[in-house]
Amino acid sequence: MNWYSAADTPELAEFGPVTGLGVTGRGAPGGPAHMAAITALYAVAGPLTGLAGLPMPVLEGRWWVEDTTRHPLDVPRDEWHWHLFLRLPDTLDPALAEQAREAARPAPGIDAVQLVTFTDGRCVQMTHHGSFAEEPKSLALMDEFMRAHGLVPAGLHHEIYLSGVQETDPAALRTILRQPVRDA
């Protein structure tokens, strides 16, 4: 399957390991810590795209909460944790990422930007069209699909922001929602 495409309805997919620039933090989406982390990621990605001749990667986020007493969407957003990620080609020389970080100095927060690898594995995914506030509707469809197929979540909720986080027109927003799963 293509990393950057998903059906408009829930589907099963499988993805192996991917590598890219990552930064971890806590705070509300769009809040100061979140925006500072995005800025740091792109501060490193800018020189990297020039060094390696790459297009600018698409922003991704993997999200979780540590409160097990409430549904994640009931936890205040400033308590959310995230790994922000910019995927890089699997063949990229890791030394180029370090060169890019050095080229980005003295931008704030760049020391938190690391070269990371993770695997989603087997997932339920779909493309959500519309505002981030309306994602619970798509997440409910994904939950229903998981129940119908005897699956349960088995990893961090993953979002790929196809239209970019700067897009303000809700009709133009497209986000791949991806949930790693395992048999119940």
C-alpha atoms as a PDB file:
ATOM      1  CA  MET A   1       0.000   0.000   0.000  1.00  0.00           C
ATOM      2  CA  ASN A   2       1.013   3.609  -0.521  1.00  0.00           C
ATOM      3  CA  TRP A   3       1.964   5.352   2.749  1.00  0.00           C
ATOM      4  CA  TYR A   4       0.171   8.529   1.649  1.00  0.00           C
ATOM      5  CA  SER A   5      -3.168   7.122   0.500  1.00  0.00           C
ATOM      6  CA  ALA A   6      -6.171   5.593   2.219  1.00  0.00           C
ATOM      7  CA  ALA A   7      -9.780   4.936   1.248  1.00  0.00           C
ATOM      8  CA  ASP A   8     -12.582   7.238   2.373  1.00  0.00           C
ATOM      9  CA  THR A   9     -13.988   4.366   4.453  1.00  0.00           C
ATOM     10  CA  PRO A  10     -12.128   2.152   6.955  1.00  0.00           C
ATOM     11  CA  GLU A  11      -9.819  -0.469   5.474  1.00  0.00           C
ATOM     12  CA  LEU A  12      -7.085  -2.823   6.628  1.00  0.00           C
ATOM     13  CA  ALA A  13      -3.503  -2.012   5.652  1.00  0.00           C
ATOM     14  CA  GLU A  14      -0.028  -3.141   6.622  1.00  0.00           C
ATOM     15  CA  PHE A  15       3.075  -0.965   6.873  1.00  0.00           C
ATOM     16  CA  GLY A  16       6.651  -1.898   7.680  1.00  0.00           C
ATOM     17  CA  PRO A  17       9.271   0.301   9.289  1.00  0.00           C
ATOM     18  CA  VAL A  18       9.722   3.919   8.209  1.00  0.00           C
ATOM     19  CA  THR A  19      12.450   6.394   9.102  1.00  0.00           C
ATOM     20  CA  GLY A  20      12.336  10.146   9.402  1.00  0.00           C
ATOM     21  CA  LEU A  21      12.832  13.175  11.578  1.00  0.00           C
ATOM     22  CA  GLY A  22      10.910  13.041  14.835  1.00  0.00           C
ATOM     23  CA  VAL A  23      10.311  15.068  17.967  1.00  0.00           C
ATOM     24  CA  THR A  24       8.319  14.105  21.054  1.00  0.00           C
ATOM     25  CA  GLY A  25       6.313  16.372  23.325  1.00  0.00           C
ATOM     26  CA  ARG A  26       3.157  17.090  25.253  1.00  0.00           C
ATOM     27  CA  GLY A  27       0.507  19.741  24.782  1.00  0.00           C
ATOM     28  CA  ALA A  28      -2.552  20.735  22.845  1.00  0.00           C
ATOM     29  CA  PRO A  29      -2.519  20.491  19.049  1.00  0.00           C
ATOM     30  CA  GLY A  30      -1.724  23.994  17.830  1.00  0.00           C
ATOM     31  CA  GLY A  31      -0.495  24.998  21.286  1.00  0.00           C
ATOM     32  CA  PRO A  32       2.893  26.590  21.979  1.00  0.00           C
ATOM     33  CA  ALA A  33       4.852  23.343  22.565  1.00  0.00           C
ATOM     34  CA  HIS A  34       3.267  21.663  19.527  1.00  0.00           C
ATOM     35  CA  MET A  35       3.954  24.597  17.212  1.00  0.00           C
ATOM     36  CA  ALA A  36       7.538  24.972  18.508  1.00  0.00           C
ATOM     37  CA  ALA A  37       8.148  21.280  17.761  1.00  0.00           C
ATOM     38  CA  ILE A  38       6.764  21.655  14.223  1.00  0.00           C
ATOM     39  CA  THR A  39       8.993  24.687  13.681  1.00  0.00           C
ATOM     40  CA  ALA A  40      12.051  22.739  14.894  1.00  0.00           C
ATOM     41  CA  LEU A  41      11.228  19.783  12.618  1.00  0.00           C
ATOM     42  CA  TYR A  42      10.966  21.994   9.565  1.00  0.00           C
ATOM     43  CA  ALA A  43      14.103  23.928  10.585  1.00  0.00           C
ATOM     44  CA  VAL A  44      16.032  20.654  10.183  1.00  0.00           C
ATOM     45  CA  ALA A  45      14.027  19.410   7.193  1.00  0.00           C
ATOM     46  CA  GLY A  46      14.748  22.573   5.193  1.00  0.00           C
ATOM     47  CA  PRO A  47      18.514  22.043   4.947  1.00  0.00           C
ATOM     48  CA  LEU A  48      17.984  18.290   4.575  1.00  0.00           C
ATOM     49  CA  THR A  49      15.797  18.723   1.500  1.00  0.00           C
ATOM     50  CA  GLY A  50      18.550  20.870  -0.018  1.00  0.00           C
ATOM     51  CA  LEU A  51      21.364  18.457   0.912  1.00  0.00           C
ATOM     52  CA  ALA A  52      19.517  15.392  -0.370  1.00  0.00           C
ATOM     53  CA  GLY A  53      17.455  17.000  -3.163  1.00  0.00           C
ATOM     54  CA  LEU A  54      14.176  15.890  -1.554  1.00  0.00           C
ATOM     55  CA  PRO A  55      10.734  17.474  -1.596  1.00  0.00           C
ATOM     56  CA  MET A  56       9.511  18.791   1.770  1.00  0.00           C
ATOM     57  CA  PRO A  57       7.990  15.846   3.695  1.00  0.00           C
ATOM     58  CA  VAL A  58       4.389  15.751   4.907  1.00  0.00           C
ATOM     59  CA  LEU A  59       3.843  16.317   8.645  1.00  0.00           C
ATOM     60  CA  GLU A  60       2.592  13.348  10.649  1.00  0.00           C
ATOM     61  CA  GLY A  61       1.646  12.898  14.280  1.00  0.00           C
ATOM     62  CA  ARG A  62       1.270   9.890  16.560  1.00  0.00           C
ATOM     63  CA  TRP A  63      -0.862  10.664  19.605  1.00  0.00           C
ATOM     64  CA  TRP A  64      -1.623   9.188  23.016  1.00  0.00           C
ATOM     65  CA  VAL A  65      -2.817  10.042  26.522  1.00  0.00           C
ATOM     66  CA  GLU A  66      -1.638   8.573  29.791  1.00  0.00           C
ATOM     67  CA  ASP A  67      -5.010   8.877  31.547  1.00  0.00           C
ATOM     68  CA  THR A  68      -6.545   5.391  31.525  1.00  0.00           C
ATOM     69  CA  THR A  69      -9.724   6.429  33.357  1.00  0.00           C
ATOM     70  CA  ARG A  70     -11.219   8.442  30.486  1.00  0.00           C
ATOM     71  CA  HIS A  71     -11.706   8.056  26.757  1.00  0.00           C
ATOM     72  CA  PRO A  72      -8.760   9.813  25.016  1.00  0.00           C
ATOM     73  CA  LEU A  73     -11.037  12.451  23.480  1.00  0.00           C
ATOM     74  CA  ASP A  74     -12.311  13.322  26.989  1.00  0.00           C
ATOM     75  CA  VAL A  75      -8.786  14.100  28.235  1.00  0.00           C
ATOM     76  CA  PRO A  76      -7.958  17.827  28.090  1.00  0.00           C
ATOM     77  CA  ARG A  77      -5.925  18.541  24.973  1.00  0.00           C
ATOM     78  CA  ASP A  78      -3.058  20.098  26.932  1.00  0.00           C
ATOM     79  CA  GLU A  79      -2.497  16.620  28.458  1.00  0.00           C
ATOM     80  CA  TRP A  80      -2.080  14.911  25.065  1.00  0.00           C
ATOM     81  CA  HIS A  81       1.318  13.465  24.152  1.00  0.00           C
ATOM     82  CA  TRP A  82       2.683  13.302  20.607  1.00  0.00           C
ATOM     83  CA  HIS A  83       5.490  12.169  18.367  1.00  0.00           C
ATOM     84  CA  LEU A  84       5.670  14.494  15.351  1.00  0.00           C
ATOM     85  CA  PHE A  85       7.302  12.997  12.283  1.00  0.00           C
ATOM     86  CA  LEU A  86       8.547  13.873   8.805  1.00  0.00           C
ATOM     87  CA  ARG A  87       9.134  10.715   6.765  1.00  0.00           C
ATOM     88  CA  LEU A  88      12.378  10.448   4.803  1.00  0.00           C
ATOM     89  CA  PRO A  89      13.397   8.008   2.065  1.00  0.00           C
ATOM     90  CA  ASP A  90      14.530   4.642   3.421  1.00  0.00           C
ATOM     91  CA  THR A  91      17.764   5.003   1.420  1.00  0.00           C
ATOM     92  CA  LEU A  92      18.755   8.349   2.963  1.00  0.00           C
ATOM     93  CA  ASP A  93      22.242   8.407   4.488  1.00  0.00           C
ATOM     94  CA  PRO A  94      21.711   9.098   8.251  1.00  0.00           C
ATOM     95  CA  ALA A  95      24.758  11.389   8.214  1.00  0.00           C
ATOM     96  CA  LEU A  96      22.749  13.837   6.076  1.00  0.00           C
ATOM     97  CA  ALA A  97      20.194  14.245   8.878  1.00  0.00           C
ATOM     98  CA  GLU A  98      22.971  15.216  11.285  1.00  0.00           C
ATOM     99  CA  GLN A  99      24.430  17.627   8.715  1.00  0.00           C
ATOM    100  CA  ALA A 100      20.988  19.200   8.305  1.00  0.00           C
ATOM    101  CA  ARG A 101      20.596  19.619  12.064  1.00  0.00           C
ATOM    102  CA  GLU A 102      23.988  21.374  12.219  1.00  0.00           C
ATOM    103  CA  ALA A 103      23.001  23.574   9.265  1.00  0.00           C
ATOM    104  CA  ALA A 104      19.810  24.570  11.126  1.00  0.00           C
ATOM    105  CA  ARG A 105      21.678  25.903  14.165  1.00  0.00           C
ATOM    106  CA  PRO A 106      20.944  28.054  16.123  1.00  0.00           C
ATOM    107  CA  ALA A 107      17.200  27.475  15.550  1.00  0.00           C
ATOM    108  CA  PRO A 108      15.437  26.754  18.859  1.00  0.00           C
ATOM    109  CA  GLY A 109      14.503  23.162  19.675  1.00  0.00           C
ATOM    110  CA  ILE A 110      16.562  21.447  16.983  1.00  0.00           C
ATOM    111  CA  ASP A 111      18.456  19.282  19.503  1.00  0.00           C
ATOM    112  CA  ALA A 112      15.137  17.545  20.242  1.00  0.00           C
ATOM    113  CA  VAL A 113      14.801  16.556  16.560  1.00  0.00           C
ATOM    114  CA  GLN A 114      16.073  13.015  16.101  1.00  0.00           C
ATOM    115  CA  LEU A 115      16.321  10.485  13.306  1.00  0.00           C
ATOM    116  CA  VAL A 116      13.740   7.833  14.302  1.00  0.00           C
ATOM    117  CA  THR A 117      12.286   4.592  12.950  1.00  0.00           C
ATOM    118  CA  PHE A 118       8.896   3.096  13.812  1.00  0.00           C
ATOM    119  CA  THR A 119       6.518   0.474  12.459  1.00  0.00           C
ATOM    120  CA  ASP A 120       2.719   0.749  12.349  1.00  0.00           C
ATOM    121  CA  GLY A 121       2.292  -2.885  11.230  1.00  0.00           C
ATOM    122  CA  ARG A 122      -1.300  -4.001  10.625  1.00  0.00           C
ATOM    123  CA  CYS A 123      -3.675  -1.025  10.776  1.00  0.00           C
ATOM    124  CA  VAL A 124      -7.180   0.175  10.218  1.00  0.00           C
ATOM    125  CA  GLN A 125      -7.029   3.430   8.279  1.00  0.00           C
ATOM    126  CA  MET A 126      -9.145   5.898   6.352  1.00  0.00           C
ATOM    127  CA  THR A 127      -8.951   9.396   4.919  1.00  0.00           C
ATOM    128  CA  HIS A 128     -10.848  11.940   6.979  1.00  0.00           C
ATOM    129  CA  HIS A 129     -12.203  14.893   5.002  1.00  0.00           C
ATOM    130  CA  GLY A 130     -12.920  18.041   6.995  1.00  0.00           C
ATOM    131  CA  SER A 131     -11.864  19.775  10.166  1.00  0.00           C
ATOM    132  CA  PHE A 132      -9.855  18.137  12.911  1.00  0.00           C
ATOM    133  CA  ALA A 133     -12.794  18.777  15.260  1.00  0.00           C
ATOM    134  CA  GLU A 134     -14.910  16.399  13.133  1.00  0.00           C
ATOM    135  CA  GLU A 135     -12.402  13.523  13.320  1.00  0.00           C
ATOM    136  CA  PRO A 136     -14.416  11.715  16.047  1.00  0.00           C
ATOM    137  CA  LYS A 137     -16.996  10.821  13.352  1.00  0.00           C
ATOM    138  CA  SER A 138     -14.314   9.068  11.281  1.00  0.00           C
ATOM    139  CA  LEU A 139     -12.777   7.505  14.390  1.00  0.00           C
ATOM    140  CA  ALA A 140     -16.199   6.073  15.288  1.00  0.00           C
ATOM    141  CA  LEU A 141     -16.385   4.446  11.833  1.00  0.00           C
ATOM    142  CA  MET A 142     -12.932   2.980  12.388  1.00  0.00           C
ATOM    143  CA  ASP A 143     -13.945   1.662  15.835  1.00  0.00           C
ATOM    144  CA  GLU A 144     -17.029   0.044  14.310  1.00  0.00           C
ATOM    145  CA  PHE A 145     -14.867  -1.568  11.589  1.00  0.00           C
ATOM    146  CA  MET A 146     -12.450  -2.892  14.225  1.00  0.00           C
ATOM    147  CA  ARG A 147     -15.269  -4.435  16.275  1.00  0.00           C
ATOM    148  CA  ALA A 148     -16.815  -6.029  13.164  1.00  0.00           C
ATOM    149  CA  HIS A 149     -13.450  -7.599  12.282  1.00  0.00           C
ATOM    150  CA  GLY A 150     -12.489  -8.710  15.803  1.00  0.00           C
ATOM    151  CA  LEU A 151      -9.660  -6.179  16.139  1.00  0.00           C
ATOM    152  CA  VAL A 152      -8.486  -3.933  18.969  1.00  0.00           C
ATOM    153  CA  PRO A 153      -6.032  -1.010  19.025  1.00  0.00           C
ATOM    154  CA  ALA A 154      -2.391  -2.046  19.400  1.00  0.00           C
ATOM    155  CA  GLY A 155      -0.323   1.104  19.105  1.00  0.00           C
ATOM    156  CA  LEU A 156      -0.419   4.867  18.860  1.00  0.00           C
ATOM    157  CA  HIS A 157      -3.115   6.704  16.908  1.00  0.00           C
ATOM    158  CA  HIS A 158      -1.374   8.028  13.775  1.00  0.00           C
ATOM    159  CA  GLU A 159      -2.375  10.992  11.603  1.00  0.00           C
ATOM    160  CA  ILE A 160      -0.873  12.079   8.275  1.00  0.00           C
ATOM    161  CA  TYR A 161      -1.761  15.675   7.374  1.00  0.00           C
ATOM    162  CA  LEU A 162      -2.089  15.502   3.593  1.00  0.00           C
ATOM    163  CA  SER A 163      -3.343  19.062   3.227  1.00  0.00           C
ATOM    164  CA  GLY A 164      -0.888  20.562   5.696  1.00  0.00           C
ATOM    165  CA  VAL A 165      -1.581  21.999   9.120  1.00  0.00           C
ATOM    166  CA  GLN A 166      -1.682  25.565   7.730  1.00  0.00           C
ATOM    167  CA  GLU A 167      -4.828  24.852   5.670  1.00  0.00           C
ATOM    168  CA  THR A 168      -7.793  26.761   7.105  1.00  0.00           C
ATOM    169  CA  ASP A 169     -10.596  25.772   4.738  1.00  0.00           C
ATOM    170  CA  PRO A 170     -12.288  22.746   6.375  1.00  0.00           C
ATOM    171  CA  ALA A 171     -13.527  21.549   2.976  1.00  0.00           C
ATOM    172  CA  ALA A 172      -9.910  21.232   1.792  1.00  0.00           C
ATOM    173  CA  LEU A 173      -8.566  19.367   4.826  1.00  0.00           C
ATOM    174  CA  ARG A 174      -7.567  15.724   4.289  1.00  0.00           C
ATOM    175  CA  THR A 175      -6.003  13.628   7.038  1.00  0.00           C
ATOM    176  CA  ILE A 176      -5.168   9.937   6.965  1.00  0.00           C
ATOM    177  CA  LEU A 177      -6.229   8.421  10.277  1.00  0.00           C
ATOM    178  CA  ARG A 178      -4.370   5.203  11.032  1.00  0.00           C
ATOM    179  CA  GLN A 179      -4.737   2.893  14.026  1.00  0.00           C
ATOM    180  CA  PRO A 180      -2.387  -0.076  14.525  1.00  0.00           C
ATOM    181  CA  VAL A 181      -4.438  -3.136  15.521  1.00  0.00           C
ATOM    182  CA  ARG A 182      -4.218  -6.753  16.663  1.00  0.00           C
ATOM    183  CA  ASP A 183      -6.734  -9.573  16.949  1.00  0.00           C
ATOM    184  CA  ALA A 184      -9.028  -9.200  19.974  1.00  0.00           C
END
